[in-house]
Amino acid sequence: MRGIAMTVQPIPSTTGYPAHATELERREFPVREYIGAMATELAQMARWDGDEVLGQLLDSAAARAGEVRPSQASDVAQEEPSRRRPA
């Protein structure tokens, strides 16, 4: 008997959503805090599984998520070239 084949569904496009959240949206939906907490939990899971290197990487991601968010001006500069606004 063969194992169950898993299929991966594509993530729905986020077209139509603003590129940057407003300050109010950032306060109501603390995405960076959620990502930091999730990365911390995943780091612990990696260590339980014996993968210290992955645990350290995930701890680094959690620390980065906890840092002050860069200004929107620098966010635009870091976007992919195809997504940059014309000068």
PDB file of N, CA and C in Angstrom:
ATOM      1  N   MET A   1       0.841  -1.166   0.000  1.00  0.00           N
ATOM      2  CA  MET A   1       0.000   0.000   0.000  1.00  0.00           C
ATOM      3  C   MET A   1       0.897   1.242   0.000  1.00  0.00           C
ATOM      4  N   ARG A   2       0.576   2.186  -0.817  1.00  0.00           N
ATOM      5  CA  ARG A   2       1.361   3.419  -0.919  1.00  0.00           C
ATOM      6  C   ARG A   2       0.877   4.448   0.100  1.00  0.00           C
ATOM      7  N   GLY A   3       1.806   5.382   0.435  1.00  0.00           N
ATOM      8  CA  GLY A   3       1.457   6.460   1.358  1.00  0.00           C
ATOM      9  C   GLY A   3       0.508   7.448   0.705  1.00  0.00           C
ATOM     10  N   ILE A   4      -0.055   8.267   1.508  1.00  0.00           N
ATOM     11  CA  ILE A   4      -0.976   9.280   1.014  1.00  0.00           C
ATOM     12  C   ILE A   4      -0.172  10.397   0.367  1.00  0.00           C
ATOM     13  N   ALA A   5      -0.527  10.729  -0.851  1.00  0.00           N
ATOM     14  CA  ALA A   5       0.145  11.832  -1.543  1.00  0.00           C
ATOM     15  C   ALA A   5      -0.453  13.147  -1.057  1.00  0.00           C
ATOM     16  N   MET A   6       0.418  14.078  -0.767  1.00  0.00           N
ATOM     17  CA  MET A   6      -0.053  15.388  -0.319  1.00  0.00           C
ATOM     18  C   MET A   6       0.080  16.377  -1.461  1.00  0.00           C
ATOM     19  N   THR A   7      -0.930  17.171  -1.632  1.00  0.00           N
ATOM     20  CA  THR A   7      -0.860  18.220  -2.638  1.00  0.00           C
ATOM     21  C   THR A   7      -0.824  19.560  -1.926  1.00  0.00           C
ATOM     22  N   VAL A   8      -0.122  20.485  -2.513  1.00  0.00           N
ATOM     23  CA  VAL A   8      -0.003  21.818  -1.939  1.00  0.00           C
ATOM     24  C   VAL A   8      -0.848  22.764  -2.764  1.00  0.00           C
ATOM     25  N   GLN A   9      -1.731  23.460  -2.095  1.00  0.00           N
ATOM     26  CA  GLN A   9      -2.574  24.435  -2.771  1.00  0.00           C
ATOM     27  C   GLN A   9      -1.859  25.782  -2.778  1.00  0.00           C
ATOM     28  N   PRO A  10      -1.928  26.514  -3.874  1.00  0.00           N
ATOM     29  CA  PRO A  10      -1.274  27.826  -3.902  1.00  0.00           C
ATOM     30  C   PRO A  10      -1.950  28.789  -2.929  1.00  0.00           C
ATOM     31  N   ILE A  11      -1.153  29.689  -2.398  1.00  0.00           N
ATOM     32  CA  ILE A  11      -1.684  30.711  -1.503  1.00  0.00           C
ATOM     33  C   ILE A  11      -2.438  31.726  -2.352  1.00  0.00           C
ATOM     34  N   PRO A  12      -3.635  32.108  -1.930  1.00  0.00           N
ATOM     35  CA  PRO A  12      -4.387  33.089  -2.720  1.00  0.00           C
ATOM     36  C   PRO A  12      -3.603  34.385  -2.886  1.00  0.00           C
ATOM     37  N   SER A  13      -3.767  35.009  -4.016  1.00  0.00           N
ATOM     38  CA  SER A  13      -3.077  36.261  -4.305  1.00  0.00           C
ATOM     39  C   SER A  13      -3.547  37.351  -3.357  1.00  0.00           C
ATOM     40  N   THR A  14      -2.639  38.215  -2.987  1.00  0.00           N
ATOM     41  CA  THR A  14      -3.002  39.337  -2.126  1.00  0.00           C
ATOM     42  C   THR A  14      -3.227  40.600  -2.947  1.00  0.00           C
ATOM     43  N   THR A  15      -3.403  40.447  -4.248  1.00  0.00           N
ATOM     44  CA  THR A  15      -3.669  41.602  -5.092  1.00  0.00           C
ATOM     45  C   THR A  15      -4.922  42.296  -4.582  1.00  0.00           C
ATOM     46  N   GLY A  16      -4.875  43.596  -4.517  1.00  0.00           N
ATOM     47  CA  GLY A  16      -6.004  44.346  -4.011  1.00  0.00           C
ATOM     48  C   GLY A  16      -5.798  44.804  -2.577  1.00  0.00           C
ATOM     49  N   TYR A  17      -4.829  44.236  -1.878  1.00  0.00           N
ATOM     50  CA  TYR A  17      -4.517  44.675  -0.526  1.00  0.00           C
ATOM     51  C   TYR A  17      -3.444  45.749  -0.609  1.00  0.00           C
ATOM     52  N   PRO A  18      -3.491  46.728   0.288  1.00  0.00           N
ATOM     53  CA  PRO A  18      -2.462  47.776   0.249  1.00  0.00           C
ATOM     54  C   PRO A  18      -1.090  47.206   0.552  1.00  0.00           C
ATOM     55  N   ALA A  19      -0.065  47.801  -0.044  1.00  0.00           N
ATOM     56  CA  ALA A  19       1.306  47.329   0.153  1.00  0.00           C
ATOM     57  C   ALA A  19       1.754  47.543   1.596  1.00  0.00           C
ATOM     58  N   HIS A  20       1.266  48.579   2.246  1.00  0.00           N
ATOM     59  CA  HIS A  20       1.671  48.888   3.616  1.00  0.00           C
ATOM     60  C   HIS A  20       0.425  49.118   4.460  1.00  0.00           C
ATOM     61  N   ALA A  21       0.441  48.574   5.652  1.00  0.00           N
ATOM     62  CA  ALA A  21      -0.670  48.774   6.570  1.00  0.00           C
ATOM     63  C   ALA A  21      -0.590  50.172   7.174  1.00  0.00           C
ATOM     64  N   THR A  22      -1.737  50.708   7.514  1.00  0.00           N
ATOM     65  CA  THR A  22      -1.758  51.995   8.201  1.00  0.00           C
ATOM     66  C   THR A  22      -1.346  51.773   9.650  1.00  0.00           C
ATOM     67  N   GLU A  23      -1.038  52.858  10.342  1.00  0.00           N
ATOM     68  CA  GLU A  23      -0.640  52.745  11.752  1.00  0.00           C
ATOM     69  C   GLU A  23      -1.754  52.114  12.580  1.00  0.00           C
ATOM     70  N   LEU A  24      -2.996  52.468  12.320  1.00  0.00           N
ATOM     71  CA  LEU A  24      -4.126  51.880  13.042  1.00  0.00           C
ATOM     72  C   LEU A  24      -4.191  50.375  12.802  1.00  0.00           C
ATOM     73  N   GLU A  25      -4.005  49.953  11.558  1.00  0.00           N
ATOM     74  CA  GLU A  25      -4.019  48.523  11.244  1.00  0.00           C
ATOM     75  C   GLU A  25      -2.880  47.798  11.944  1.00  0.00           C
ATOM     76  N   ARG A  26      -1.725  48.421  12.048  1.00  0.00           N
ATOM     77  CA  ARG A  26      -0.588  47.798  12.731  1.00  0.00           C
ATOM     78  C   ARG A  26      -0.883  47.575  14.208  1.00  0.00           C
ATOM     79  N   ARG A  27      -1.597  48.526  14.816  1.00  0.00           N
ATOM     80  CA  ARG A  27      -1.936  48.372  16.236  1.00  0.00           C
ATOM     81  C   ARG A  27      -3.020  47.327  16.430  1.00  0.00           C
ATOM     82  N   GLU A  28      -4.005  47.274  15.529  1.00  0.00           N
ATOM     83  CA  GLU A  28      -5.106  46.322  15.660  1.00  0.00           C
ATOM     84  C   GLU A  28      -4.682  44.904  15.299  1.00  0.00           C
ATOM     85  N   PHE A  29      -3.755  44.760  14.394  1.00  0.00           N
ATOM     86  CA  PHE A  29      -3.293  43.453  13.942  1.00  0.00           C
ATOM     87  C   PHE A  29      -1.773  43.402  14.086  1.00  0.00           C
ATOM     88  N   PRO A  30      -1.269  43.091  15.278  1.00  0.00           N
ATOM     89  CA  PRO A  30       0.177  43.126  15.532  1.00  0.00           C
ATOM     90  C   PRO A  30       0.904  41.941  14.886  1.00  0.00           C
ATOM     91  N   VAL A  31       1.070  41.996  13.586  1.00  0.00           N
ATOM     92  CA  VAL A  31       1.650  40.890  12.821  1.00  0.00           C
ATOM     93  C   VAL A  31       3.063  40.566  13.286  1.00  0.00           C
ATOM     94  N   ARG A  32       3.884  41.581  13.495  1.00  0.00           N
ATOM     95  CA  ARG A  32       5.267  41.323  13.914  1.00  0.00           C
ATOM     96  C   ARG A  32       5.321  40.609  15.262  1.00  0.00           C
ATOM     97  N   GLU A  33       4.442  40.974  16.180  1.00  0.00           N
ATOM     98  CA  GLU A  33       4.410  40.304  17.480  1.00  0.00           C
ATOM     99  C   GLU A  33       3.998  38.841  17.314  1.00  0.00           C
ATOM    100  N   TYR A  34       3.016  38.609  16.459  1.00  0.00           N
ATOM    101  CA  TYR A  34       2.566  37.241  16.202  1.00  0.00           C
ATOM    102  C   TYR A  34       3.697  36.414  15.588  1.00  0.00           C
ATOM    103  N   ILE A  35       4.386  36.969  14.612  1.00  0.00           N
ATOM    104  CA  ILE A  35       5.491  36.254  13.964  1.00  0.00           C
ATOM    105  C   ILE A  35       6.595  35.962  14.975  1.00  0.00           C
ATOM    106  N   GLY A  36       6.907  36.928  15.828  1.00  0.00           N
ATOM    107  CA  GLY A  36       7.930  36.717  16.849  1.00  0.00           C
ATOM    108  C   GLY A  36       7.561  35.597  17.805  1.00  0.00           C
ATOM    109  N   ALA A  37       6.310  35.593  18.255  1.00  0.00           N
ATOM    110  CA  ALA A  37       5.863  34.542  19.175  1.00  0.00           C
ATOM    111  C   ALA A  37       5.885  33.177  18.496  1.00  0.00           C
ATOM    112  N   MET A  38       5.449  33.136  17.246  1.00  0.00           N
ATOM    113  CA  MET A  38       5.437  31.870  16.511  1.00  0.00           C
ATOM    114  C   MET A  38       6.863  31.367  16.285  1.00  0.00           C
ATOM    115  N   ALA A  39       7.776  32.260  15.941  1.00  0.00           N
ATOM    116  CA  ALA A  39       9.169  31.855  15.719  1.00  0.00           C
ATOM    117  C   ALA A  39       9.792  31.324  17.010  1.00  0.00           C
ATOM    118  N   THR A  40       9.441  31.926  18.144  1.00  0.00           N
ATOM    119  CA  THR A  40       9.948  31.440  19.429  1.00  0.00           C
ATOM    120  C   THR A  40       9.446  30.032  19.712  1.00  0.00           C
ATOM    121  N   GLU A  41       8.161  29.796  19.464  1.00  0.00           N
ATOM    122  CA  GLU A  41       7.593  28.454  19.662  1.00  0.00           C
ATOM    123  C   GLU A  41       8.243  27.437  18.724  1.00  0.00           C
ATOM    124  N   LEU A  42       8.448  27.828  17.471  1.00  0.00           N
ATOM    125  CA  LEU A  42       9.072  26.921  16.510  1.00  0.00           C
ATOM    126  C   LEU A  42      10.520  26.631  16.887  1.00  0.00           C
ATOM    127  N   ALA A  43      11.211  27.614  17.448  1.00  0.00           N
ATOM    128  CA  ALA A  43      12.591  27.399  17.897  1.00  0.00           C
ATOM    129  C   ALA A  43      12.629  26.338  18.991  1.00  0.00           C
ATOM    130  N   GLN A  44      11.679  26.424  19.915  1.00  0.00           N
ATOM    131  CA  GLN A  44      11.617  25.427  20.986  1.00  0.00           C
ATOM    132  C   GLN A  44      11.328  24.037  20.407  1.00  0.00           C
ATOM    133  N   MET A  45      10.433  23.961  19.455  1.00  0.00           N
ATOM    134  CA  MET A  45      10.117  22.675  18.820  1.00  0.00           C
ATOM    135  C   MET A  45      11.345  22.104  18.119  1.00  0.00           C
ATOM    136  N   ALA A  46      12.097  22.958  17.442  1.00  0.00           N
ATOM    137  CA  ALA A  46      13.307  22.501  16.751  1.00  0.00           C
ATOM    138  C   ALA A  46      14.306  21.931  17.757  1.00  0.00           C
ATOM    139  N   ARG A  47      14.440  22.589  18.892  1.00  0.00           N
ATOM    140  CA  ARG A  47      15.363  22.095  19.923  1.00  0.00           C
ATOM    141  C   ARG A  47      14.885  20.772  20.509  1.00  0.00           C
ATOM    142  N   TRP A  48      13.580  20.630  20.711  1.00  0.00           N
ATOM    143  CA  TRP A  48      13.044  19.356  21.205  1.00  0.00           C
ATOM    144  C   TRP A  48      13.360  18.235  20.231  1.00  0.00           C
ATOM    145  N   ASP A  49      13.420  18.599  18.950  1.00  0.00           N
ATOM    146  CA  ASP A  49      13.716  17.609  17.915  1.00  0.00           C
ATOM    147  C   ASP A  49      15.223  17.431  17.722  1.00  0.00           C
ATOM    148  N   GLY A  50      16.025  18.155  18.498  1.00  0.00           N
ATOM    149  CA  GLY A  50      17.472  18.003  18.435  1.00  0.00           C
ATOM    150  C   GLY A  50      18.173  18.880  17.420  1.00  0.00           C
ATOM    151  N   ASP A  51      17.491  19.878  16.880  1.00  0.00           N
ATOM    152  CA  ASP A  51      18.084  20.742  15.857  1.00  0.00           C
ATOM    153  C   ASP A  51      18.387  22.120  16.453  1.00  0.00           C
ATOM    154  N   GLU A  52      19.540  22.231  17.093  1.00  0.00           N
ATOM    155  CA  GLU A  52      19.935  23.481  17.741  1.00  0.00           C
ATOM    156  C   GLU A  52      20.171  24.598  16.726  1.00  0.00           C
ATOM    157  N   VAL A  53      20.743  24.272  15.575  1.00  0.00           N
ATOM    158  CA  VAL A  53      21.019  25.297  14.557  1.00  0.00           C
ATOM    159  C   VAL A  53      19.717  25.934  14.078  1.00  0.00           C
ATOM    160  N   LEU A  54      18.718  25.121  13.780  1.00  0.00           N
ATOM    161  CA  LEU A  54      17.421  25.658  13.361  1.00  0.00           C
ATOM    162  C   LEU A  54      16.801  26.472  14.497  1.00  0.00           C
ATOM    163  N   GLY A  55      16.957  26.001  15.722  1.00  0.00           N
ATOM    164  CA  GLY A  55      16.453  26.751  16.870  1.00  0.00           C
ATOM    165  C   GLY A  55      17.068  28.137  16.962  1.00  0.00           C
ATOM    166  N   GLN A  56      18.369  28.230  16.721  1.00  0.00           N
ATOM    167  CA  GLN A  56      19.047  29.527  16.763  1.00  0.00           C
ATOM    168  C   GLN A  56      18.565  30.442  15.636  1.00  0.00           C
ATOM    169  N   LEU A  57      18.370  29.879  14.466  1.00  0.00           N
ATOM    170  CA  LEU A  57      17.870  30.684  13.343  1.00  0.00           C
ATOM    171  C   LEU A  57      16.474  31.234  13.645  1.00  0.00           C
ATOM    172  N   LEU A  58      15.634  30.391  14.207  1.00  0.00           N
ATOM    173  CA  LEU A  58      14.283  30.833  14.544  1.00  0.00           C
ATOM    174  C   LEU A  58      14.300  31.858  15.678  1.00  0.00           C
ATOM    175  N   ASP A  59      15.216  31.710  16.635  1.00  0.00           N
ATOM    176  CA  ASP A  59      15.371  32.728  17.676  1.00  0.00           C
ATOM    177  C   ASP A  59      15.790  34.060  17.063  1.00  0.00           C
ATOM    178  N   SER A  60      16.651  34.016  16.054  1.00  0.00           N
ATOM    179  CA  SER A  60      17.067  35.240  15.356  1.00  0.00           C
ATOM    180  C   SER A  60      15.878  35.890  14.656  1.00  0.00           C
ATOM    181  N   ALA A  61      15.031  35.065  14.047  1.00  0.00           N
ATOM    182  CA  ALA A  61      13.830  35.594  13.388  1.00  0.00           C
ATOM    183  C   ALA A  61      12.905  36.238  14.416  1.00  0.00           C
ATOM    184  N   ALA A  62      12.761  35.613  15.574  1.00  0.00           N
ATOM    185  CA  ALA A  62      11.918  36.177  16.631  1.00  0.00           C
ATOM    186  C   ALA A  62      12.476  37.514  17.110  1.00  0.00           C
ATOM    187  N   ALA A  63      13.788  37.595  17.259  1.00  0.00           N
ATOM    188  CA  ALA A  63      14.416  38.848  17.687  1.00  0.00           C
ATOM    189  C   ALA A  63      14.206  39.935  16.643  1.00  0.00           C
ATOM    190  N   ARG A  64      14.340  39.587  15.381  1.00  0.00           N
ATOM    191  CA  ARG A  64      14.148  40.564  14.298  1.00  0.00           C
ATOM    192  C   ARG A  64      12.710  41.062  14.271  1.00  0.00           C
ATOM    193  N   ALA A  65      11.770  40.167  14.486  1.00  0.00           N
ATOM    194  CA  ALA A  65      10.358  40.564  14.497  1.00  0.00           C
ATOM    195  C   ALA A  65      10.065  41.511  15.653  1.00  0.00           C
ATOM    196  N   GLY A  66      10.832  41.407  16.740  1.00  0.00           N
ATOM    197  CA  GLY A  66      10.627  42.266  17.893  1.00  0.00           C
ATOM    198  C   GLY A  66      11.279  43.628  17.782  1.00  0.00           C
ATOM    199  N   GLU A  67      12.090  43.825  16.755  1.00  0.00           N
ATOM    200  CA  GLU A  67      12.756  45.117  16.569  1.00  0.00           C
ATOM    201  C   GLU A  67      11.766  46.155  16.065  1.00  0.00           C
ATOM    202  N   VAL A  68      12.155  47.408  16.194  1.00  0.00           N
ATOM    203  CA  VAL A  68      11.325  48.502  15.701  1.00  0.00           C
ATOM    204  C   VAL A  68      11.174  48.370  14.200  1.00  0.00           C
ATOM    205  N   ARG A  69       9.957  48.534  13.740  1.00  0.00           N
ATOM    206  CA  ARG A  69       9.674  48.411  12.313  1.00  0.00           C
ATOM    207  C   ARG A  69      10.373  49.528  11.557  1.00  0.00           C
ATOM    208  N   PRO A  70      11.053  49.178  10.448  1.00  0.00           N
ATOM    209  CA  PRO A  70      11.702  50.221   9.640  1.00  0.00           C
ATOM    210  C   PRO A  70      10.666  51.177   9.050  1.00  0.00           C
ATOM    211  N   SER A  71      11.112  52.372   8.726  1.00  0.00           N
ATOM    212  CA  SER A  71      10.185  53.349   8.155  1.00  0.00           C
ATOM    213  C   SER A  71       9.680  52.864   6.810  1.00  0.00           C
ATOM    214  N   GLN A  72       8.528  53.361   6.413  1.00  0.00           N
ATOM    215  CA  GLN A  72       7.966  52.944   5.131  1.00  0.00           C
ATOM    216  C   GLN A  72       8.861  53.347   3.977  1.00  0.00           C
ATOM    217  N   ALA A  73       9.597  54.423   4.116  1.00  0.00           N
ATOM    218  CA  ALA A  73      10.486  54.851   3.031  1.00  0.00           C
ATOM    219  C   ALA A  73      11.539  53.789   2.751  1.00  0.00           C
ATOM    220  N   SER A  74      12.099  53.210   3.798  1.00  0.00           N
ATOM    221  CA  SER A  74      13.099  52.171   3.563  1.00  0.00           C
ATOM    222  C   SER A  74      12.446  50.884   3.092  1.00  0.00           C
ATOM    223  N   ASP A  75      11.170  50.645   3.476  1.00  0.00           N
ATOM    224  CA  ASP A  75      10.445  49.472   2.978  1.00  0.00           C
ATOM    225  C   ASP A  75      10.308  49.534   1.464  1.00  0.00           C
ATOM    226  N   VAL A  76       9.961  50.692   0.936  1.00  0.00           N
ATOM    227  CA  VAL A  76       9.786  50.834  -0.508  1.00  0.00           C
ATOM    228  C   VAL A  76      11.108  50.584  -1.219  1.00  0.00           C
ATOM    229  N   ALA A  77      12.206  51.064  -0.651  1.00  0.00           N
ATOM    230  CA  ALA A  77      13.518  50.876  -1.271  1.00  0.00           C
ATOM    231  C   ALA A  77      13.920  49.411  -1.311  1.00  0.00           C
ATOM    232  N   GLN A  78      13.388  48.599  -0.381  1.00  0.00           N
ATOM    233  CA  GLN A  78      13.757  47.195  -0.322  1.00  0.00           C
ATOM    234  C   GLN A  78      12.813  46.295  -1.115  1.00  0.00           C
ATOM    235  N   GLU A  79      11.735  46.848  -1.668  1.00  0.00           N
ATOM    236  CA  GLU A  79      10.793  46.039  -2.431  1.00  0.00           C
ATOM    237  C   GLU A  79      11.449  45.493  -3.687  1.00  0.00           C
ATOM    238  N   GLU A  80      10.844  44.466  -4.217  1.00  0.00           N
ATOM    239  CA  GLU A  80      11.326  43.908  -5.473  1.00  0.00           C
ATOM    240  C   GLU A  80      11.245  44.980  -6.558  1.00  0.00           C
ATOM    241  N   PRO A  81      12.185  44.987  -7.505  1.00  0.00           N
ATOM    242  CA  PRO A  81      12.175  46.020  -8.546  1.00  0.00           C
ATOM    243  C   PRO A  81      10.846  46.124  -9.284  1.00  0.00           C
ATOM    244  N   SER A  82      10.165  45.016  -9.516  1.00  0.00           N
ATOM    245  CA  SER A  82       8.909  45.049 -10.257  1.00  0.00           C
ATOM    246  C   SER A  82       7.794  45.711  -9.459  1.00  0.00           C
ATOM    247  N   ARG A  83       7.966  45.848  -8.155  1.00  0.00           N
ATOM    248  CA  ARG A  83       6.924  46.416  -7.314  1.00  0.00           C
ATOM    249  C   ARG A  83       7.220  47.851  -6.914  1.00  0.00           C
ATOM    250  N   ARG A  84       8.359  48.381  -7.303  1.00  0.00           N
ATOM    251  CA  ARG A  84       8.706  49.757  -6.941  1.00  0.00           C
ATOM    252  C   ARG A  84       7.817  50.736  -7.683  1.00  0.00           C
ATOM    253  N   ARG A  85       7.584  51.839  -7.031  1.00  0.00           N
ATOM    254  CA  ARG A  85       6.797  52.895  -7.660  1.00  0.00           C
ATOM    255  C   ARG A  85       7.685  53.670  -8.623  1.00  0.00           C
ATOM    256  N   PRO A  86       7.131  54.125  -9.738  1.00  0.00           N
ATOM    257  CA  PRO A  86       7.945  54.918 -10.666  1.00  0.00           C
ATOM    258  C   PRO A  86       8.387  56.222 -10.017  1.00  0.00           C
ATOM    259  N   ALA A  87       9.574  56.689 -10.396  1.00  0.00           N
ATOM    260  CA  ALA A  87      10.122  57.927  -9.819  1.00  0.00           C
ATOM    261  C   ALA A  87       9.422  59.139 -10.351  1.00  0.00           C
TER     262      ALA A  87
END
